[in-house]
Amino acid sequence: MLIDARGLPILPAAHRRALAEQMKADDAAYPGYMKAYATVIDSAVQAGIMTAVVWLFPTPYPMRMFSELAPAEAWVRKTIAG
């Protein structure tokens, strides 16, 4: 999965929790379906928030943040290919 979150407003804490909980629920409902998760961000605050979400709710698949779209897309393609 590739999410381009550049320019989006910072999510409030309740929304961040809901996002993390939904990610856990999706993984439980569809185990092994998600192979890679990349987020393109343009803010240090967003990076800190994503890092905290990953620490609090670790995923069974690799997750990375990028500041540019092309490297994020390349990483997702490489990771999915194995």
PDB file of N, CA and C in Angstrom:
ATOM      1  N   MET A   1       0.849  -1.168   0.000  1.00  0.00           N
ATOM      2  CA  MET A   1       0.000   0.000   0.000  1.00  0.00           C
ATOM      3  C   MET A   1       0.896   1.232   0.000  1.00  0.00           C
ATOM      4  N   LEU A   2       0.485   2.216  -0.749  1.00  0.00           N
ATOM      5  CA  LEU A   2       1.222   3.470  -0.823  1.00  0.00           C
ATOM      6  C   LEU A   2       0.234   4.604  -0.586  1.00  0.00           C
ATOM      7  N   ILE A   3       0.533   5.411   0.428  1.00  0.00           N
ATOM      8  CA  ILE A   3      -0.323   6.555   0.774  1.00  0.00           C
ATOM      9  C   ILE A   3       0.500   7.830   0.591  1.00  0.00           C
ATOM     10  N   ASP A   4      -0.010   8.752  -0.193  1.00  0.00           N
ATOM     11  CA  ASP A   4       0.633  10.053  -0.351  1.00  0.00           C
ATOM     12  C   ASP A   4      -0.109  11.034   0.550  1.00  0.00           C
ATOM     13  N   ALA A   5       0.481  11.315   1.711  1.00  0.00           N
ATOM     14  CA  ALA A   5      -0.160  12.182   2.703  1.00  0.00           C
ATOM     15  C   ALA A   5       0.403  13.598   2.696  1.00  0.00           C
ATOM     16  N   ARG A   6       1.172  13.928   1.679  1.00  0.00           N
ATOM     17  CA  ARG A   6       1.737  15.280   1.612  1.00  0.00           C
ATOM     18  C   ARG A   6       0.623  16.304   1.515  1.00  0.00           C
ATOM     19  N   GLY A   7       0.742  17.336   2.314  1.00  0.00           N
ATOM     20  CA  GLY A   7      -0.223  18.425   2.281  1.00  0.00           C
ATOM     21  C   GLY A   7      -1.487  18.180   3.077  1.00  0.00           C
ATOM     22  N   LEU A   8      -1.632  16.998   3.642  1.00  0.00           N
ATOM     23  CA  LEU A   8      -2.824  16.732   4.440  1.00  0.00           C
ATOM     24  C   LEU A   8      -2.665  17.312   5.843  1.00  0.00           C
ATOM     25  N   PRO A   9      -3.758  17.700   6.461  1.00  0.00           N
ATOM     26  CA  PRO A   9      -3.664  18.192   7.838  1.00  0.00           C
ATOM     27  C   PRO A   9      -3.273  17.060   8.783  1.00  0.00           C
ATOM     28  N   ILE A  10      -2.709  17.415   9.910  1.00  0.00           N
ATOM     29  CA  ILE A  10      -2.307  16.430  10.914  1.00  0.00           C
ATOM     30  C   ILE A  10      -3.556  15.901  11.608  1.00  0.00           C
ATOM     31  N   LEU A  11      -3.652  14.588  11.701  1.00  0.00           N
ATOM     32  CA  LEU A  11      -4.821  13.967  12.318  1.00  0.00           C
ATOM     33  C   LEU A  11      -4.830  14.184  13.822  1.00  0.00           C
ATOM     34  N   PRO A  12      -5.982  14.445  14.392  1.00  0.00           N
ATOM     35  CA  PRO A  12      -6.096  14.517  15.846  1.00  0.00           C
ATOM     36  C   PRO A  12      -5.801  13.138  16.455  1.00  0.00           C
ATOM     37  N   ALA A  13      -5.473  13.116  17.739  1.00  0.00           N
ATOM     38  CA  ALA A  13      -5.100  11.878  18.418  1.00  0.00           C
ATOM     39  C   ALA A  13      -6.160  10.791  18.286  1.00  0.00           C
ATOM     40  N   ALA A  14      -7.420  11.146  18.417  1.00  0.00           N
ATOM     41  CA  ALA A  14      -8.486  10.151  18.314  1.00  0.00           C
ATOM     42  C   ALA A  14      -8.509   9.497  16.935  1.00  0.00           C
ATOM     43  N   HIS A  15      -8.242  10.269  15.898  1.00  0.00           N
ATOM     44  CA  HIS A  15      -8.215   9.724  14.542  1.00  0.00           C
ATOM     45  C   HIS A  15      -6.998   8.841  14.341  1.00  0.00           C
ATOM     46  N   ARG A  16      -5.856   9.225  14.929  1.00  0.00           N
ATOM     47  CA  ARG A  16      -4.649   8.391  14.829  1.00  0.00           C
ATOM     48  C   ARG A  16      -4.884   7.037  15.489  1.00  0.00           C
ATOM     49  N   ARG A  17      -5.523   7.050  16.661  1.00  0.00           N
ATOM     50  CA  ARG A  17      -5.844   5.789  17.353  1.00  0.00           C
ATOM     51  C   ARG A  17      -6.777   4.942  16.503  1.00  0.00           C
ATOM     52  N   ALA A  18      -7.777   5.572  15.926  1.00  0.00           N
ATOM     53  CA  ALA A  18      -8.731   4.848  15.083  1.00  0.00           C
ATOM     54  C   ALA A  18      -8.023   4.240  13.870  1.00  0.00           C
ATOM     55  N   LEU A  19      -7.110   4.977  13.282  1.00  0.00           N
ATOM     56  CA  LEU A  19      -6.350   4.470  12.141  1.00  0.00           C
ATOM     57  C   LEU A  19      -5.532   3.247  12.542  1.00  0.00           C
ATOM     58  N   ALA A  20      -4.818   3.345  13.655  1.00  0.00           N
ATOM     59  CA  ALA A  20      -4.006   2.222  14.128  1.00  0.00           C
ATOM     60  C   ALA A  20      -4.878   1.013  14.443  1.00  0.00           C
ATOM     61  N   GLU A  21      -6.010   1.241  15.077  1.00  0.00           N
ATOM     62  CA  GLU A  21      -6.914   0.134  15.410  1.00  0.00           C
ATOM     63  C   GLU A  21      -7.496  -0.506  14.148  1.00  0.00           C
ATOM     64  N   GLN A  22      -7.794   0.309  13.155  1.00  0.00           N
ATOM     65  CA  GLN A  22      -8.314  -0.237  11.903  1.00  0.00           C
ATOM     66  C   GLN A  22      -7.244  -1.062  11.187  1.00  0.00           C
ATOM     67  N   MET A  23      -6.009  -0.608  11.234  1.00  0.00           N
ATOM     68  CA  MET A  23      -4.918  -1.364  10.634  1.00  0.00           C
ATOM     69  C   MET A  23      -4.793  -2.739  11.302  1.00  0.00           C
ATOM     70  N   LYS A  24      -4.904  -2.776  12.632  1.00  0.00           N
ATOM     71  CA  LYS A  24      -4.847  -4.051  13.349  1.00  0.00           C
ATOM     72  C   LYS A  24      -6.031  -4.936  12.970  1.00  0.00           C
ATOM     73  N   ALA A  25      -7.223  -4.367  12.902  1.00  0.00           N
ATOM     74  CA  ALA A  25      -8.414  -5.135  12.552  1.00  0.00           C
ATOM     75  C   ALA A  25      -8.313  -5.688  11.130  1.00  0.00           C
ATOM     76  N   ASP A  26      -7.816  -4.872  10.212  1.00  0.00           N
ATOM     77  CA  ASP A  26      -7.662  -5.335   8.829  1.00  0.00           C
ATOM     78  C   ASP A  26      -6.663  -6.486   8.757  1.00  0.00           C
ATOM     79  N   ASP A  27      -5.579  -6.387   9.512  1.00  0.00           N
ATOM     80  CA  ASP A  27      -4.591  -7.458   9.498  1.00  0.00           C
ATOM     81  C   ASP A  27      -5.173  -8.748  10.076  1.00  0.00           C
ATOM     82  N   ALA A  28      -6.001  -8.631  11.105  1.00  0.00           N
ATOM     83  CA  ALA A  28      -6.637  -9.817  11.688  1.00  0.00           C
ATOM     84  C   ALA A  28      -7.651 -10.425  10.713  1.00  0.00           C
ATOM     85  N   ALA A  29      -8.379  -9.583  10.002  1.00  0.00           N
ATOM     86  CA  ALA A  29      -9.400 -10.061   9.073  1.00  0.00           C
ATOM     87  C   ALA A  29      -8.787 -10.621   7.787  1.00  0.00           C
ATOM     88  N   TYR A  30      -7.663 -10.078   7.379  1.00  0.00           N
ATOM     89  CA  TYR A  30      -7.022 -10.473   6.122  1.00  0.00           C
ATOM     90  C   TYR A  30      -5.541 -10.758   6.362  1.00  0.00           C
ATOM     91  N   PRO A  31      -5.227 -11.786   7.157  1.00  0.00           N
ATOM     92  CA  PRO A  31      -3.823 -12.048   7.502  1.00  0.00           C
ATOM     93  C   PRO A  31      -2.978 -12.330   6.258  1.00  0.00           C
ATOM     94  N   GLY A  32      -1.821 -11.699   6.220  1.00  0.00           N
ATOM     95  CA  GLY A  32      -0.887 -11.907   5.118  1.00  0.00           C
ATOM     96  C   GLY A  32      -1.208 -11.139   3.856  1.00  0.00           C
ATOM     97  N   TYR A  33      -2.337 -10.442   3.818  1.00  0.00           N
ATOM     98  CA  TYR A  33      -2.726  -9.708   2.609  1.00  0.00           C
ATOM     99  C   TYR A  33      -1.826  -8.491   2.379  1.00  0.00           C
ATOM    100  N   MET A  34      -1.550  -7.742   3.444  1.00  0.00           N
ATOM    101  CA  MET A  34      -0.708  -6.554   3.322  1.00  0.00           C
ATOM    102  C   MET A  34       0.750  -6.994   3.303  1.00  0.00           C
ATOM    103  N   LYS A  35       1.464  -6.571   2.282  1.00  0.00           N
ATOM    104  CA  LYS A  35       2.869  -6.956   2.126  1.00  0.00           C
ATOM    105  C   LYS A  35       3.834  -5.810   2.423  1.00  0.00           C
ATOM    106  N   ALA A  36       3.378  -4.574   2.236  1.00  0.00           N
ATOM    107  CA  ALA A  36       4.237  -3.405   2.467  1.00  0.00           C
ATOM    108  C   ALA A  36       3.342  -2.176   2.595  1.00  0.00           C
ATOM    109  N   TYR A  37       3.813  -1.212   3.386  1.00  0.00           N
ATOM    110  CA  TYR A  37       3.033   0.002   3.630  1.00  0.00           C
ATOM    111  C   TYR A  37       3.997   1.183   3.608  1.00  0.00           C
ATOM    112  N   ALA A  38       3.839   2.042   2.648  1.00  0.00           N
ATOM    113  CA  ALA A  38       4.687   3.230   2.537  1.00  0.00           C
ATOM    114  C   ALA A  38       3.814   4.473   2.620  1.00  0.00           C
ATOM    115  N   THR A  39       4.302   5.458   3.349  1.00  0.00           N
ATOM    116  CA  THR A  39       3.610   6.735   3.455  1.00  0.00           C
ATOM    117  C   THR A  39       4.555   7.838   3.002  1.00  0.00           C
ATOM    118  N   VAL A  40       4.085   8.683   2.104  1.00  0.00           N
ATOM    119  CA  VAL A  40       4.864   9.841   1.661  1.00  0.00           C
ATOM    120  C   VAL A  40       4.370  11.035   2.460  1.00  0.00           C
ATOM    121  N   ILE A  41       5.276  11.678   3.174  1.00  0.00           N
ATOM    122  CA  ILE A  41       4.908  12.793   4.043  1.00  0.00           C
ATOM    123  C   ILE A  41       5.829  13.977   3.772  1.00  0.00           C
ATOM    124  N   ASP A  42       5.389  15.136   4.194  1.00  0.00           N
ATOM    125  CA  ASP A  42       6.194  16.341   3.974  1.00  0.00           C
ATOM    126  C   ASP A  42       6.371  17.157   5.245  1.00  0.00           C
ATOM    127  N   SER A  43       6.227  16.502   6.380  1.00  0.00           N
ATOM    128  CA  SER A  43       6.292  17.230   7.643  1.00  0.00           C
ATOM    129  C   SER A  43       6.999  16.391   8.702  1.00  0.00           C
ATOM    130  N   ALA A  44       7.870  17.035   9.449  1.00  0.00           N
ATOM    131  CA  ALA A  44       8.543  16.351  10.557  1.00  0.00           C
ATOM    132  C   ALA A  44       7.535  15.938  11.623  1.00  0.00           C
ATOM    133  N   VAL A  45       6.494  16.722  11.797  1.00  0.00           N
ATOM    134  CA  VAL A  45       5.454  16.378  12.769  1.00  0.00           C
ATOM    135  C   VAL A  45       4.743  15.101  12.323  1.00  0.00           C
ATOM    136  N   GLN A  46       4.404  15.020  11.034  1.00  0.00           N
ATOM    137  CA  GLN A  46       3.783  13.803  10.511  1.00  0.00           C
ATOM    138  C   GLN A  46       4.702  12.598  10.709  1.00  0.00           C
ATOM    139  N   ALA A  47       5.978  12.772  10.462  1.00  0.00           N
ATOM    140  CA  ALA A  47       6.944  11.678  10.633  1.00  0.00           C
ATOM    141  C   ALA A  47       6.963  11.203  12.080  1.00  0.00           C
ATOM    142  N   GLY A  48       6.957  12.132  13.009  1.00  0.00           N
ATOM    143  CA  GLY A  48       6.934  11.769  14.421  1.00  0.00           C
ATOM    144  C   GLY A  48       5.670  11.025  14.803  1.00  0.00           C
ATOM    145  N   ILE A  49       4.555  11.466  14.281  1.00  0.00           N
ATOM    146  CA  ILE A  49       3.277  10.814  14.565  1.00  0.00           C
ATOM    147  C   ILE A  49       3.262   9.402  14.000  1.00  0.00           C
ATOM    148  N   MET A  50       3.689   9.242  12.758  1.00  0.00           N
ATOM    149  CA  MET A  50       3.712   7.904  12.156  1.00  0.00           C
ATOM    150  C   MET A  50       4.656   6.977  12.909  1.00  0.00           C
ATOM    151  N   THR A  51       5.791   7.496  13.327  1.00  0.00           N
ATOM    152  CA  THR A  51       6.733   6.691  14.102  1.00  0.00           C
ATOM    153  C   THR A  51       6.096   6.225  15.398  1.00  0.00           C
ATOM    154  N   ALA A  52       5.391   7.118  16.070  1.00  0.00           N
ATOM    155  CA  ALA A  52       4.716   6.754  17.323  1.00  0.00           C
ATOM    156  C   ALA A  52       3.636   5.706  17.090  1.00  0.00           C
ATOM    157  N   VAL A  53       2.863   5.845  16.027  1.00  0.00           N
ATOM    158  CA  VAL A  53       1.814   4.870  15.720  1.00  0.00           C
ATOM    159  C   VAL A  53       2.433   3.492  15.494  1.00  0.00           C
ATOM    160  N   VAL A  54       3.544   3.439  14.761  1.00  0.00           N
ATOM    161  CA  VAL A  54       4.200   2.157  14.482  1.00  0.00           C
ATOM    162  C   VAL A  54       4.769   1.552  15.770  1.00  0.00           C
ATOM    163  N   TRP A  55       5.309   2.384  16.646  1.00  0.00           N
ATOM    164  CA  TRP A  55       5.830   1.864  17.923  1.00  0.00           C
ATOM    165  C   TRP A  55       4.702   1.308  18.778  1.00  0.00           C
ATOM    166  N   LEU A  56       3.582   2.004  18.817  1.00  0.00           N
ATOM    167  CA  LEU A  56       2.462   1.571  19.654  1.00  0.00           C
ATOM    168  C   LEU A  56       1.713   0.375  19.078  1.00  0.00           C
ATOM    169  N   PHE A  57       1.637   0.316  17.766  1.00  0.00           N
ATOM    170  CA  PHE A  57       0.904  -0.744  17.084  1.00  0.00           C
ATOM    171  C   PHE A  57       1.785  -1.337  15.988  1.00  0.00           C
ATOM    172  N   PRO A  58       2.766  -2.153  16.370  1.00  0.00           N
ATOM    173  CA  PRO A  58       3.660  -2.736  15.359  1.00  0.00           C
ATOM    174  C   PRO A  58       2.872  -3.572  14.345  1.00  0.00           C
ATOM    175  N   THR A  59       3.330  -3.575  13.123  1.00  0.00           N
ATOM    176  CA  THR A  59       2.669  -4.322  12.068  1.00  0.00           C
ATOM    177  C   THR A  59       3.496  -5.551  11.697  1.00  0.00           C
ATOM    178  N   PRO A  60       2.847  -6.591  11.203  1.00  0.00           N
ATOM    179  CA  PRO A  60       3.581  -7.777  10.779  1.00  0.00           C
ATOM    180  C   PRO A  60       4.204  -7.619   9.382  1.00  0.00           C
ATOM    181  N   TYR A  61       4.016  -6.471   8.790  1.00  0.00           N
ATOM    182  CA  TYR A  61       4.571  -6.195   7.464  1.00  0.00           C
ATOM    183  C   TYR A  61       5.471  -4.959   7.568  1.00  0.00           C
ATOM    184  N   PRO A  62       6.416  -4.817   6.642  1.00  0.00           N
ATOM    185  CA  PRO A  62       7.304  -3.654   6.693  1.00  0.00           C
ATOM    186  C   PRO A  62       6.558  -2.357   6.404  1.00  0.00           C
ATOM    187  N   MET A  63       6.956  -1.328   7.127  1.00  0.00           N
ATOM    188  CA  MET A  63       6.358  -0.007   6.995  1.00  0.00           C
ATOM    189  C   MET A  63       7.479   1.023   6.928  1.00  0.00           C
ATOM    190  N   ARG A  64       7.398   1.942   5.967  1.00  0.00           N
ATOM    191  CA  ARG A  64       8.414   2.991   5.850  1.00  0.00           C
ATOM    192  C   ARG A  64       7.775   4.306   5.460  1.00  0.00           C
ATOM    193  N   MET A  65       8.481   5.380   5.822  1.00  0.00           N
ATOM    194  CA  MET A  65       8.055   6.729   5.450  1.00  0.00           C
ATOM    195  C   MET A  65       9.054   7.306   4.460  1.00  0.00           C
ATOM    196  N   PHE A  66       8.531   8.107   3.553  1.00  0.00           N
ATOM    197  CA  PHE A  66       9.350   8.731   2.515  1.00  0.00           C
ATOM    198  C   PHE A  66       8.932  10.188   2.359  1.00  0.00           C
ATOM    199  N   SER A  67       9.834  10.978   1.823  1.00  0.00           N
ATOM    200  CA  SER A  67       9.496  12.377   1.545  1.00  0.00           C
ATOM    201  C   SER A  67       9.195  12.597   0.061  1.00  0.00           C
ATOM    202  N   GLU A  68       9.469  11.592  -0.770  1.00  0.00           N
ATOM    203  CA  GLU A  68       9.211  11.684  -2.206  1.00  0.00           C
ATOM    204  C   GLU A  68       8.456  10.441  -2.678  1.00  0.00           C
ATOM    205  N   LEU A  69       7.623  10.604  -3.679  1.00  0.00           N
ATOM    206  CA  LEU A  69       6.784   9.528  -4.178  1.00  0.00           C
ATOM    207  C   LEU A  69       7.574   8.425  -4.887  1.00  0.00           C
ATOM    208  N   ALA A  70       8.498   8.789  -5.763  1.00  0.00           N
ATOM    209  CA  ALA A  70       9.204   7.781  -6.569  1.00  0.00           C
ATOM    210  C   ALA A  70       9.948   6.750  -5.713  1.00  0.00           C
ATOM    211  N   PRO A  71      10.731   7.161  -4.699  1.00  0.00           N
ATOM    212  CA  PRO A  71      11.395   6.148  -3.873  1.00  0.00           C
ATOM    213  C   PRO A  71      10.407   5.281  -3.095  1.00  0.00           C
ATOM    214  N   ALA A  72       9.289   5.858  -2.675  1.00  0.00           N
ATOM    215  CA  ALA A  72       8.272   5.082  -1.961  1.00  0.00           C
ATOM    216  C   ALA A  72       7.690   4.012  -2.881  1.00  0.00           C
ATOM    217  N   GLU A  73       7.367   4.397  -4.101  1.00  0.00           N
ATOM    218  CA  GLU A  73       6.812   3.441  -5.056  1.00  0.00           C
ATOM    219  C   GLU A  73       7.820   2.335  -5.371  1.00  0.00           C
ATOM    220  N   ALA A  74       9.079   2.707  -5.559  1.00  0.00           N
ATOM    221  CA  ALA A  74      10.119   1.710  -5.848  1.00  0.00           C
ATOM    222  C   ALA A  74      10.265   0.729  -4.686  1.00  0.00           C
ATOM    223  N   TRP A  75      10.237   1.240  -3.460  1.00  0.00           N
ATOM    224  CA  TRP A  75      10.369   0.368  -2.288  1.00  0.00           C
ATOM    225  C   TRP A  75       9.187  -0.593  -2.184  1.00  0.00           C
ATOM    226  N   VAL A  76       7.972  -0.101  -2.396  1.00  0.00           N
ATOM    227  CA  VAL A  76       6.795  -0.979  -2.334  1.00  0.00           C
ATOM    228  C   VAL A  76       6.900  -2.071  -3.381  1.00  0.00           C
ATOM    229  N   ARG A  77       7.252  -1.702  -4.611  1.00  0.00           N
ATOM    230  CA  ARG A  77       7.358  -2.701  -5.679  1.00  0.00           C
ATOM    231  C   ARG A  77       8.423  -3.747  -5.352  1.00  0.00           C
ATOM    232  N   LYS A  78       9.564  -3.295  -4.863  1.00  0.00           N
ATOM    233  CA  LYS A  78      10.658  -4.220  -4.521  1.00  0.00           C
ATOM    234  C   LYS A  78      10.252  -5.131  -3.363  1.00  0.00           C
ATOM    235  N   THR A  79       9.613  -4.575  -2.348  1.00  0.00           N
ATOM    236  CA  THR A  79       9.217  -5.343  -1.177  1.00  0.00           C
ATOM    237  C   THR A  79       8.159  -6.384  -1.531  1.00  0.00           C
ATOM    238  N   ILE A  80       7.208  -6.003  -2.358  1.00  0.00           N
ATOM    239  CA  ILE A  80       6.158  -6.944  -2.760  1.00  0.00           C
ATOM    240  C   ILE A  80       6.751  -8.079  -3.601  1.00  0.00           C
ATOM    241  N   ALA A  81       7.709  -7.721  -4.465  1.00  0.00           N
ATOM    242  CA  ALA A  81       8.315  -8.724  -5.338  1.00  0.00           C
ATOM    243  C   ALA A  81       9.132  -9.749  -4.544  1.00  0.00           C
ATOM    244  N   GLY A  82       9.578  -9.330  -3.348  1.00  0.00           N
ATOM    245  CA  GLY A  82      10.356 -10.250  -2.510  1.00  0.00           C
ATOM    246  C   GLY A  82      11.788 -10.108  -2.808  1.00  0.00           C
TER     247      GLY A  82
END
